Amino acid sequence: MNNAEQLTKILTIILMVMILILMLLTFVYIMIKWKSKKKEKERTITDENNKTNIPKSDAKKIAKEYTKESIFEFMDFDKIEDNMIIQKNGNRYLMVVECQGINYDLMSEAEKVSVEEGFLQFLNTLRHPIQIYIQTRTVNLNDSIQSYKKKLQAVEMELEKRKNEYQRKVQSGKYTQDELEKEFYEVTKQTNLYEYGKDIILNTERMSLNKNVLNKKYYIILSYYPEDLKNGSFGKDEIENLAFSELYTQSQSLIRTLASCEVVGKIMNSMELVELLYIAYNRDDAEVFSVDRAIRSGYDELYTTAPDVLNKKMQILDEEIEKQALELVKDNVIKVRSKKQREIDEKQAHFGELIRQRAEIILKQNASYLGTDTAEEAIEIIQEKQEDTDEIEENIKQQAKLKTKEEGGHINEEQQAKKTTRGRKPKSTK
C-alpha cells in the first residue's frame, strides 16, 4: 500500500507541474498576440497620418498614375454609339457624312458651272456649323489579295478536275476526236484563266509594296450640343435620342444639297466611325494592322485568348514535320516508279534479244532430253535468225537517217529560196 500511495503522489505532482507549464505557455502566447496587434494598430495610424500630410495635388497625381482608365483622358471622345461620336461626357454629339469626290478637272465648262452653282446652293442652305475633314490613307490591298487567292484556289481545283477528265477520256478510247478536242479546249481555257489569276495576284502584291499608293477620304462633321435645349429637363437617354434625330435630319438635308453639285454622301455607321478614329490615332500601325484584323483578333482579349508561344511553336513544328514527311514519301515513290519504268523500257528495247537468250537457256537445260546435236543446231538457227534481224534493223535505221538528212536538205533549200525571194525588190509594172 505504501508503494501505491507513493506512486499516486508522484503522478499527482507531475500532473500539476504539466498544468502549470501549459498555463504559462498560454499566457506567453496571449502576450505575443497582444503585442503584434498593438504594433499593427500603431502602423496603420502612422500610415493614415502620412496620407493626411500629402498635398491634394500629389494625391491626385498618384491616383491618376494608378487609374486603369487614364488613357481616356488622352482621347477626344468618350464612346461611339448609334452612329454618333459622343464627347465631353455627353455634352457634345458628332455625326459624320462621308463624301465621294468628283474629278472637277475632267468636266466640261457647262458641268463645272453646274457644280459651282450646286456648291453655292449648298453653302446658302447651311444653318448649322460644319467641319470639313480630309484623311489621307495608304491603300491596303491585303483583303483584295486574300480574296484573289481564294478564288484562284477554286480555279486551280477546277483545272485539275478538267485535266483528269481529259486524261480519262483519252485513255478510255471511247470518245471521238471532236469530243477530245472540245475537252482539250476547255482544259486550255481553264489553264489560261489560272495563269491570268496568278498574274493578277502577283501585280497586286507588287502594288501593295508601294507605299506611295494613297487615297483621300472626305468627311463633313456635324455637331450637336445638349445645352442648346432651353426648356425642360431631360434624362440621358432622352438627350441621346434628341441628338440622334437632330443630327440625322441635318445630315439628310446636307446629303440632298450635296447631290445638286454631283457629290454623293452617306452617313457613317458606328463601325466606319471606329475605323476613322483608329486610322486617325494609329497612322503608322493602320498600314500594317488594319482595324478589321484588330477587331477579329479581339484587342481587349489579346492577352487571355492568345495561344501560348511554346504551344504555337510546337504546332508549327508538327505541321512542318508532316509536310516534309509527305514530300519525302512523294519523292521516294516517284523514284521507285521511275526505276521500275526504266526497267520496263529496257526490257522492251531488248525484247527480241531477251527472248533469244531465254530460248538458248531452255535448249541447253533440256539438251539431255532433246539430244545434244538437236539442241546445238536449234541454237545455231536462232543465232542466224537474230543476225539477219539485226542486219535488217540496221538497214532500216540507216535508211531513216538518210531520209531525214534529205528532208532537212530540202527544207534548207526551200528556206534559202524564200530568203532570196524576200530580199529581191519586186519589179515595177507599167
Protein backbone atom coordinates (compact mmCIF):
# COMPACT_ATOMS: atom_id res chain seq x y z
CA MET A 1 0.00 0.00 0.00
CA ASN A 2 2.84 2.33 0.82
CA ASN A 3 4.29 1.85 -2.64
CA ALA A 4 0.91 2.58 -4.29
CA GLU A 5 0.44 5.76 -2.28
CA GLN A 6 3.93 6.96 -3.18
CA LEU A 7 3.25 6.29 -6.89
CA THR A 8 -0.01 8.27 -6.86
CA LYS A 9 1.68 11.18 -5.11
CA ILE A 10 4.44 11.25 -7.73
CA LEU A 11 1.91 11.16 -10.61
CA THR A 12 -0.13 13.94 -8.97
CA ILE A 13 2.94 16.14 -8.65
CA ILE A 14 3.90 15.53 -12.31
CA LEU A 15 0.35 16.37 -13.46
CA MET A 16 0.32 19.61 -11.51
CA VAL A 17 3.70 20.61 -12.97
CA MET A 18 2.42 19.94 -16.51
CA ILE A 19 -0.70 22.02 -15.86
CA LEU A 20 1.43 24.92 -14.63
CA ILE A 21 3.69 24.71 -17.69
CA LEU A 22 0.64 24.69 -20.00
CA MET A 23 -0.83 27.75 -18.29
CA LEU A 24 2.49 29.55 -18.57
CA LEU A 25 2.72 28.81 -22.30
CA THR A 26 -0.85 30.03 -22.84
CA PHE A 27 -0.05 33.27 -21.06
CA VAL A 28 3.07 33.81 -23.21
CA TYR A 29 1.09 33.16 -26.42
CA ILE A 30 -1.59 35.68 -25.41
CA MET A 31 1.02 38.34 -24.66
CA ILE A 32 2.72 37.83 -28.04
CA LYS A 33 -0.60 38.15 -29.94
CA TRP A 34 -1.49 41.28 -27.99
CA LYS A 35 1.85 42.92 -28.79
CA SER A 36 1.57 42.10 -32.50
CA LYS A 37 -1.93 43.61 -32.70
CA LYS A 38 -0.72 46.69 -30.94
CA LYS A 39 2.12 47.12 -33.46
CA GLU A 40 -0.30 46.76 -36.38
CA LYS A 41 -2.58 49.44 -34.96
CA GLU A 42 0.35 51.81 -34.49
CA ARG A 43 1.48 51.16 -38.06
CA THR A 44 -1.96 51.88 -39.54
CA ILE A 45 -2.23 55.08 -37.51
CA THR A 46 1.15 56.30 -38.80
CA ASP A 47 0.14 55.44 -42.41
CA GLU A 48 -3.07 57.44 -42.09
CA ASN A 49 -1.13 60.36 -40.65
CA ASN A 50 1.32 60.23 -43.52
CA LYS A 51 -1.56 60.19 -46.04
CA THR A 52 -3.18 63.20 -44.44
CA ASN A 53 0.11 65.08 -44.68
CA ILE A 54 0.30 64.55 -48.52
CA PRO A 55 -0.88 67.63 -50.53
CA LYS A 56 -4.08 67.26 -52.55
CA SER A 57 -2.33 67.83 -55.88
CA ASP A 58 0.12 64.99 -55.17
CA ALA A 59 -2.72 62.70 -54.12
CA LYS A 60 -4.48 63.36 -57.43
CA LYS A 61 -1.32 62.61 -59.35
CA ILE A 62 -0.88 59.30 -57.54
CA ALA A 63 -4.50 58.37 -58.27
CA LYS A 64 -4.07 59.24 -61.94
CA GLU A 65 -0.94 57.14 -62.23
CA TYR A 66 -2.71 54.02 -61.00
CA THR A 67 -6.13 54.52 -62.64
CA LYS A 68 -6.76 51.96 -65.36
CA GLU A 69 -8.99 54.32 -67.39
CA SER A 70 -6.47 57.15 -67.51
CA ILE A 71 -5.90 56.50 -71.25
CA PHE A 72 -9.33 58.01 -72.00
CA GLU A 73 -8.08 61.39 -70.85
CA PHE A 74 -5.88 61.48 -73.98
CA MET A 75 -8.83 60.79 -76.27
CA ASP A 76 -11.15 63.47 -77.62
CA PHE A 77 -14.18 61.20 -77.40
CA ASP A 78 -15.92 59.11 -74.77
CA LYS A 79 -17.57 56.41 -76.89
CA ILE A 80 -19.19 55.62 -80.23
CA GLU A 81 -22.86 54.76 -80.14
CA ASP A 82 -25.83 54.90 -82.54
CA ASN A 83 -23.65 56.16 -85.43
CA MET A 84 -22.51 59.10 -83.27
CA ILE A 85 -19.27 60.11 -81.56
CA ILE A 86 -20.02 61.22 -78.00
CA GLN A 87 -17.64 63.77 -76.47
CA LYS A 88 -17.16 65.60 -73.19
CA ASN A 89 -19.24 63.23 -71.07
CA GLY A 90 -22.32 63.60 -73.25
CA ASN A 91 -22.09 67.38 -73.73
CA ARG A 92 -21.31 67.10 -77.46
CA TYR A 93 -22.51 64.67 -80.15
CA LEU A 94 -20.98 64.29 -83.62
CA MET A 95 -22.28 62.67 -86.78
CA VAL A 96 -20.04 62.26 -89.84
CA VAL A 97 -21.05 62.28 -93.51
CA GLU A 98 -18.61 60.65 -95.92
CA CYS A 99 -18.45 62.29 -99.36
CA GLN A 100 -17.27 60.84 -102.65
CA GLY A 101 -15.03 63.26 -104.52
CA ILE A 102 -15.55 64.21 -108.17
CA ASN A 103 -12.96 64.87 -110.87
CA TYR A 104 -13.59 68.55 -111.49
CA ASP A 105 -10.74 68.99 -113.99
CA LEU A 106 -12.13 66.43 -116.45
CA MET A 107 -15.55 68.11 -116.65
CA SER A 108 -16.74 70.33 -119.43
CA GLU A 109 -17.37 74.03 -118.86
CA ALA A 110 -21.12 73.50 -118.53
CA GLU A 111 -20.61 70.74 -115.98
CA LYS A 112 -18.17 72.89 -114.00
CA VAL A 113 -20.70 75.73 -113.88
CA SER A 114 -23.39 73.32 -112.70
CA VAL A 115 -21.13 72.02 -109.91
CA GLU A 116 -20.26 75.56 -108.80
CA GLU A 117 -23.92 76.57 -108.69
CA GLY A 118 -24.74 73.47 -106.68
CA PHE A 119 -21.92 74.22 -104.21
CA LEU A 120 -23.21 77.80 -103.76
CA GLN A 121 -26.66 76.39 -103.08
CA PHE A 122 -25.10 74.03 -100.52
CA LEU A 123 -23.38 76.92 -98.73
CA ASN A 124 -26.53 79.04 -98.72
CA THR A 125 -28.63 76.27 -97.17
CA LEU A 126 -26.29 75.75 -94.21
CA ARG A 127 -27.98 76.64 -90.94
CA HIS A 128 -25.54 74.94 -88.58
CA PRO A 129 -21.74 74.97 -88.26
CA ILE A 130 -19.89 72.17 -90.05
CA GLN A 131 -16.31 70.92 -90.12
CA ILE A 132 -14.62 69.53 -93.24
CA TYR A 133 -12.09 66.79 -92.55
CA ILE A 134 -9.78 65.16 -95.12
CA GLN A 135 -7.97 61.94 -94.25
CA THR A 136 -5.16 60.52 -96.41
CA ARG A 137 -4.85 56.75 -96.23
CA THR A 138 -2.39 54.28 -97.65
CA VAL A 139 -4.24 51.84 -99.86
CA ASN A 140 -4.27 48.46 -98.12
CA LEU A 141 -4.64 45.65 -100.67
CA ASN A 142 -4.30 42.70 -98.27
CA ASP A 143 -8.04 41.95 -98.29
CA SER A 144 -8.11 42.02 -102.10
CA ILE A 145 -5.07 39.73 -102.30
CA GLN A 146 -6.63 37.21 -99.91
CA SER A 147 -9.92 37.17 -101.84
CA TYR A 148 -8.00 36.72 -105.13
CA LYS A 149 -6.06 33.78 -103.65
CA LYS A 150 -9.27 32.06 -102.51
CA LYS A 151 -10.77 32.43 -105.98
CA LEU A 152 -7.54 31.20 -107.56
CA GLN A 153 -7.66 28.05 -105.42
CA ALA A 154 -11.13 27.32 -106.79
CA VAL A 155 -9.85 27.85 -110.36
CA GLU A 156 -6.89 25.54 -109.68
CA MET A 157 -9.17 22.79 -108.38
CA GLU A 158 -11.37 23.12 -111.46
CA LEU A 159 -8.29 22.95 -113.68
CA GLU A 160 -7.09 19.71 -112.04
CA LYS A 161 -10.56 18.27 -112.44
CA ARG A 162 -10.58 19.16 -116.16
CA LYS A 163 -7.14 17.66 -116.69
CA ASN A 164 -8.11 14.39 -115.02
CA GLU A 165 -11.31 14.23 -117.07
CA TYR A 166 -9.38 14.82 -120.28
CA GLN A 167 -6.80 12.12 -119.44
CA ARG A 168 -9.59 9.67 -118.59
CA LYS A 169 -11.30 10.26 -121.92
CA VAL A 170 -8.05 9.90 -123.87
CA GLN A 171 -7.12 6.64 -122.13
CA SER A 172 -10.59 5.12 -122.46
CA GLY A 173 -10.59 5.36 -126.27
CA LYS A 174 -14.40 5.61 -126.34
CA TYR A 175 -14.61 9.24 -127.48
CA THR A 176 -14.32 10.77 -130.92
CA GLN A 177 -11.66 13.23 -131.99
CA ASP A 178 -14.14 16.13 -131.90
CA GLU A 179 -15.12 15.33 -128.31
CA LEU A 180 -11.46 15.12 -127.27
CA GLU A 181 -10.68 18.42 -129.00
CA LYS A 182 -13.62 20.05 -127.22
CA GLU A 183 -12.40 18.76 -123.85
CA PHE A 184 -8.84 19.91 -124.65
CA TYR A 185 -10.21 23.37 -125.46
CA GLU A 186 -11.88 23.53 -122.03
CA VAL A 187 -8.60 22.48 -120.35
CA THR A 188 -6.70 25.17 -122.27
CA LYS A 189 -9.26 27.83 -121.37
CA GLN A 190 -9.10 26.88 -117.68
CA THR A 191 -5.28 26.91 -117.81
CA ASN A 192 -5.27 30.41 -119.29
CA LEU A 193 -7.70 31.58 -116.60
CA TYR A 194 -5.43 30.15 -113.90
CA GLU A 195 -2.32 31.84 -115.33
CA TYR A 196 -4.21 35.13 -115.64
CA GLY A 197 -5.28 34.90 -111.97
CA LYS A 198 -1.68 34.28 -110.89
CA ASP A 199 -0.55 37.38 -112.81
CA ILE A 200 -3.24 39.48 -111.14
CA ILE A 201 -2.18 38.36 -107.66
CA LEU A 202 1.50 38.99 -108.46
CA ASN A 203 0.79 42.50 -109.77
CA THR A 204 -1.45 43.30 -106.80
CA GLU A 205 1.22 42.16 -104.33
CA ARG A 206 3.80 44.32 -106.09
CA MET A 207 1.40 47.26 -105.91
CA SER A 208 0.84 46.71 -102.19
CA LEU A 209 4.59 47.09 -101.60
CA ASN A 210 4.41 50.62 -102.99
CA LYS A 211 3.78 52.90 -100.01
CA ASN A 212 3.05 55.85 -102.32
CA VAL A 213 -0.36 54.48 -103.35
CA LEU A 214 -2.57 56.87 -101.37
CA ASN A 215 -6.29 57.53 -101.19
CA LYS A 216 -8.04 60.62 -99.87
CA LYS A 217 -11.27 60.45 -97.90
CA TYR A 218 -13.51 63.49 -97.46
CA TYR A 219 -15.81 63.97 -94.46
CA ILE A 220 -18.25 66.60 -93.20
CA ILE A 221 -18.72 66.63 -89.42
CA LEU A 222 -21.96 67.86 -87.83
CA SER A 223 -22.13 68.65 -84.12
CA TYR A 224 -24.95 68.93 -81.58
CA TYR A 225 -24.82 70.43 -78.07
CA PRO A 226 -27.47 69.41 -75.49
CA GLU A 227 -27.01 72.77 -73.77
CA ASP A 228 -28.98 74.29 -76.67
CA LEU A 229 -32.09 72.73 -75.11
CA LYS A 230 -33.52 75.68 -73.18
CA ASN A 231 -36.77 74.32 -71.85
CA GLY A 232 -37.37 71.16 -69.85
CA SER A 233 -35.15 68.72 -68.02
CA PHE A 234 -34.37 65.57 -69.95
CA GLY A 235 -32.73 62.33 -68.97
CA LYS A 236 -29.59 60.93 -70.54
CA ASP A 237 -31.43 58.56 -72.89
CA GLU A 238 -33.81 61.29 -74.00
CA ILE A 239 -30.90 63.63 -74.75
CA GLU A 240 -29.22 60.93 -76.87
CA ASN A 241 -32.44 60.33 -78.82
CA LEU A 242 -32.88 64.05 -79.42
CA ALA A 243 -29.24 64.38 -80.53
CA PHE A 244 -29.58 61.46 -82.95
CA SER A 245 -32.81 62.75 -84.52
CA GLU A 246 -31.44 66.28 -84.87
CA LEU A 247 -28.11 65.18 -86.38
CA TYR A 248 -29.82 62.66 -88.68
CA THR A 249 -32.18 65.36 -90.02
CA GLN A 250 -29.28 67.76 -90.61
CA SER A 251 -27.21 65.04 -92.31
CA GLN A 252 -30.00 64.03 -94.67
CA SER A 253 -30.60 67.67 -95.61
CA LEU A 254 -26.87 68.12 -96.22
CA ILE A 255 -26.70 64.98 -98.41
CA ARG A 256 -29.59 66.24 -100.56
CA THR A 257 -27.95 69.63 -101.10
CA LEU A 258 -24.63 67.96 -101.92
CA ALA A 259 -26.36 65.95 -104.65
CA SER A 260 -27.01 69.19 -106.52
CA CYS A 261 -23.26 69.53 -107.08
CA GLU A 262 -22.93 65.83 -108.02
CA VAL A 263 -21.26 64.87 -104.72
CA VAL A 264 -22.55 61.62 -103.23
CA GLY A 265 -22.68 61.45 -99.44
CA LYS A 266 -23.70 58.92 -96.80
CA ILE A 267 -23.96 58.80 -93.03
CA MET A 268 -21.18 56.72 -91.50
CA ASN A 269 -22.20 53.90 -89.20
CA SER A 270 -20.54 53.04 -85.88
CA MET A 271 -18.11 50.57 -87.45
CA GLU A 272 -16.95 53.10 -90.04
CA LEU A 273 -16.50 55.70 -87.30
CA VAL A 274 -14.31 53.25 -85.37
CA GLU A 275 -12.14 52.81 -88.47
CA LEU A 276 -11.96 56.57 -88.97
CA LEU A 277 -10.75 57.18 -85.42
CA TYR A 278 -8.47 54.13 -85.44
CA ILE A 279 -6.61 55.44 -88.51
CA ALA A 280 -6.50 58.96 -87.06
CA TYR A 281 -4.87 57.72 -83.83
CA ASN A 282 -2.71 55.00 -85.46
CA ARG A 283 -1.20 56.50 -88.59
CA ASP A 284 1.70 54.05 -88.85
CA ASP A 285 0.13 50.91 -87.39
CA ALA A 286 -3.02 51.19 -89.50
CA GLU A 287 -0.99 50.43 -92.65
CA VAL A 288 0.25 47.14 -91.18
CA PHE A 289 -2.57 46.09 -88.84
CA SER A 290 -5.99 47.21 -90.09
CA VAL A 291 -8.97 47.82 -87.83
CA ASP A 292 -10.76 44.73 -89.21
CA ARG A 293 -7.88 42.50 -88.17
CA ALA A 294 -7.71 44.27 -84.80
CA ILE A 295 -11.39 43.61 -84.14
CA ARG A 296 -11.15 39.99 -85.33
CA SER A 297 -8.13 39.48 -83.06
CA GLY A 298 -10.01 40.95 -80.11
CA TYR A 299 -7.77 43.66 -78.72
CA ASP A 300 -9.42 43.53 -75.29
CA GLU A 301 -8.92 39.75 -75.14
CA LEU A 302 -5.50 39.54 -76.71
CA TYR A 303 -3.64 38.60 -73.54
CA THR A 304 -6.18 36.00 -72.41
CA THR A 305 -7.14 34.22 -75.63
CA ALA A 306 -3.82 34.22 -77.48
CA PRO A 307 -2.23 30.72 -77.55
CA ASP A 308 0.94 30.03 -75.63
CA VAL A 309 4.09 30.75 -77.64
CA LEU A 310 5.57 27.31 -76.99
CA ASN A 311 2.34 25.55 -77.98
CA LYS A 312 2.16 27.65 -81.12
CA LYS A 313 5.79 26.83 -81.97
CA MET A 314 5.11 23.13 -81.33
CA GLN A 315 2.13 23.24 -83.68
CA ILE A 316 4.22 24.89 -86.40
CA LEU A 317 6.93 22.23 -86.00
CA ASP A 318 4.35 19.44 -86.21
CA GLU A 319 2.92 20.91 -89.40
CA GLU A 320 6.39 21.29 -90.90
CA ILE A 321 7.28 17.66 -89.99
CA GLU A 322 4.07 16.44 -91.62
CA LYS A 323 4.77 18.49 -94.73
CA GLN A 324 8.38 17.31 -95.05
CA ALA A 325 7.33 13.68 -94.46
CA LEU A 326 4.75 13.85 -97.25
CA GLU A 327 7.31 15.36 -99.63
CA LEU A 328 9.82 12.63 -98.74
CA VAL A 329 7.23 9.91 -99.35
CA LYS A 330 6.28 11.50 -102.65
CA ASP A 331 9.89 11.75 -103.84
CA ASN A 332 10.69 8.14 -102.94
CA VAL A 333 7.52 6.84 -104.59
CA ILE A 334 8.42 8.74 -107.75
CA LYS A 335 11.97 7.31 -107.65
CA VAL A 336 10.67 3.74 -107.25
CA ARG A 337 8.20 4.21 -110.07
CA SER A 338 10.81 5.75 -112.35
CA LYS A 339 13.22 2.89 -111.60
CA LYS A 340 10.58 0.30 -112.48
CA GLN A 341 9.67 2.26 -115.58
CA ARG A 342 13.32 2.28 -116.70
CA GLU A 343 13.50 -1.47 -116.20
CA ILE A 344 10.34 -1.93 -118.26
CA ASP A 345 11.67 0.35 -121.02
CA GLU A 346 14.96 -1.52 -121.06
CA LYS A 347 13.20 -4.88 -121.39
CA GLN A 348 11.00 -3.54 -124.19
CA ALA A 349 14.07 -2.21 -126.01
CA HIS A 350 15.83 -5.61 -125.82
CA PHE A 351 12.70 -7.68 -126.11
CA GLY A 352 13.89 -9.83 -129.01
CA GLU A 353 17.34 -10.32 -127.52
CA LEU A 354 15.88 -11.46 -124.20
CA ILE A 355 13.62 -13.94 -125.98
CA ARG A 356 16.60 -15.39 -127.88
CA GLN A 357 18.70 -15.66 -124.71
CA ARG A 358 15.87 -17.37 -122.83
CA ALA A 359 15.32 -19.80 -125.72
CA GLU A 360 19.03 -20.74 -125.73
CA ILE A 361 18.94 -21.32 -121.96
CA ILE A 362 15.88 -23.57 -122.31
CA LEU A 363 17.56 -25.60 -125.10
CA LYS A 364 20.74 -26.03 -123.05
CA GLN A 365 18.78 -27.12 -119.97
CA ASN A 366 16.81 -29.72 -121.96
CA ALA A 367 19.72 -30.95 -124.17
CA SER A 368 19.64 -34.34 -122.45
CA TYR A 369 16.00 -34.86 -123.48
CA LEU A 370 16.22 -33.33 -126.97
CA GLY A 371 19.67 -34.56 -127.79
CA THR A 372 22.88 -32.55 -127.79
CA ASP A 373 23.07 -32.27 -131.60
CA THR A 374 19.47 -31.15 -131.91
CA ALA A 375 19.87 -28.53 -129.19
CA GLU A 376 23.09 -27.11 -130.68
CA GLU A 377 21.57 -26.99 -134.18
CA ALA A 378 18.48 -25.19 -132.85
CA ILE A 379 20.71 -22.67 -131.07
CA GLU A 380 22.65 -22.02 -134.29
CA ILE A 381 19.42 -21.46 -136.22
CA ILE A 382 18.21 -18.97 -133.57
CA GLN A 383 21.52 -17.09 -133.70
CA GLU A 384 21.43 -16.92 -137.53
CA LYS A 385 17.90 -15.52 -137.47
CA GLN A 386 18.94 -13.00 -134.86
CA GLU A 387 21.87 -11.85 -137.04
CA ASP A 388 19.52 -11.44 -140.02
CA THR A 389 17.09 -9.47 -137.84
CA ASP A 390 19.89 -7.23 -136.54
CA GLU A 391 21.05 -6.59 -140.11
CA ILE A 392 17.53 -5.66 -141.26
CA GLU A 393 17.08 -3.31 -138.29
CA GLU A 394 20.44 -1.69 -139.03
CA ASN A 395 19.48 -1.15 -142.68
CA ILE A 396 16.16 0.39 -141.63
CA LYS A 397 17.96 2.75 -139.27
CA GLN A 398 20.42 3.80 -141.97
CA GLN A 399 17.62 4.45 -144.45
CA ALA A 400 15.73 6.51 -141.86
CA LYS A 401 18.84 8.61 -141.21
CA LEU A 402 19.38 9.21 -144.93
CA LYS A 403 15.74 10.16 -145.37
CA THR A 404 15.85 12.70 -142.53
CA LYS A 405 19.04 14.23 -143.97
CA GLU A 406 17.45 14.56 -147.41
CA GLU A 407 14.31 16.14 -145.94
CA GLY A 408 16.46 18.53 -143.93
CA GLY A 409 18.36 19.49 -147.09
CA HIS A 410 15.12 20.13 -148.99
CA ILE A 411 13.83 22.27 -146.14
CA ASN A 412 17.06 24.27 -146.05
CA GLU A 413 16.87 24.80 -149.82
CA GLU A 414 13.27 25.99 -149.55
CA GLN A 415 14.15 28.36 -146.71
CA GLN A 416 17.11 29.69 -148.68
CA ALA A 417 14.89 30.22 -151.69
CA LYS A 418 12.34 32.09 -149.57
CA LYS A 419 15.09 34.31 -148.17
CA THR A 420 16.39 35.16 -151.61
CA THR A 421 12.90 35.95 -152.90
CA ARG A 422 12.22 38.14 -149.90
CA GLY A 423 15.45 40.04 -150.47
CA ARG A 424 14.56 40.83 -154.08
CA LYS A 425 12.68 44.00 -154.93
CA PRO A 426 9.51 43.47 -156.94
CA LYS A 427 9.71 44.71 -160.49
CA SER A 428 7.52 47.70 -161.17
CA THR A 429 4.84 47.18 -163.80
CA LYS A 430 3.91 50.00 -166.04
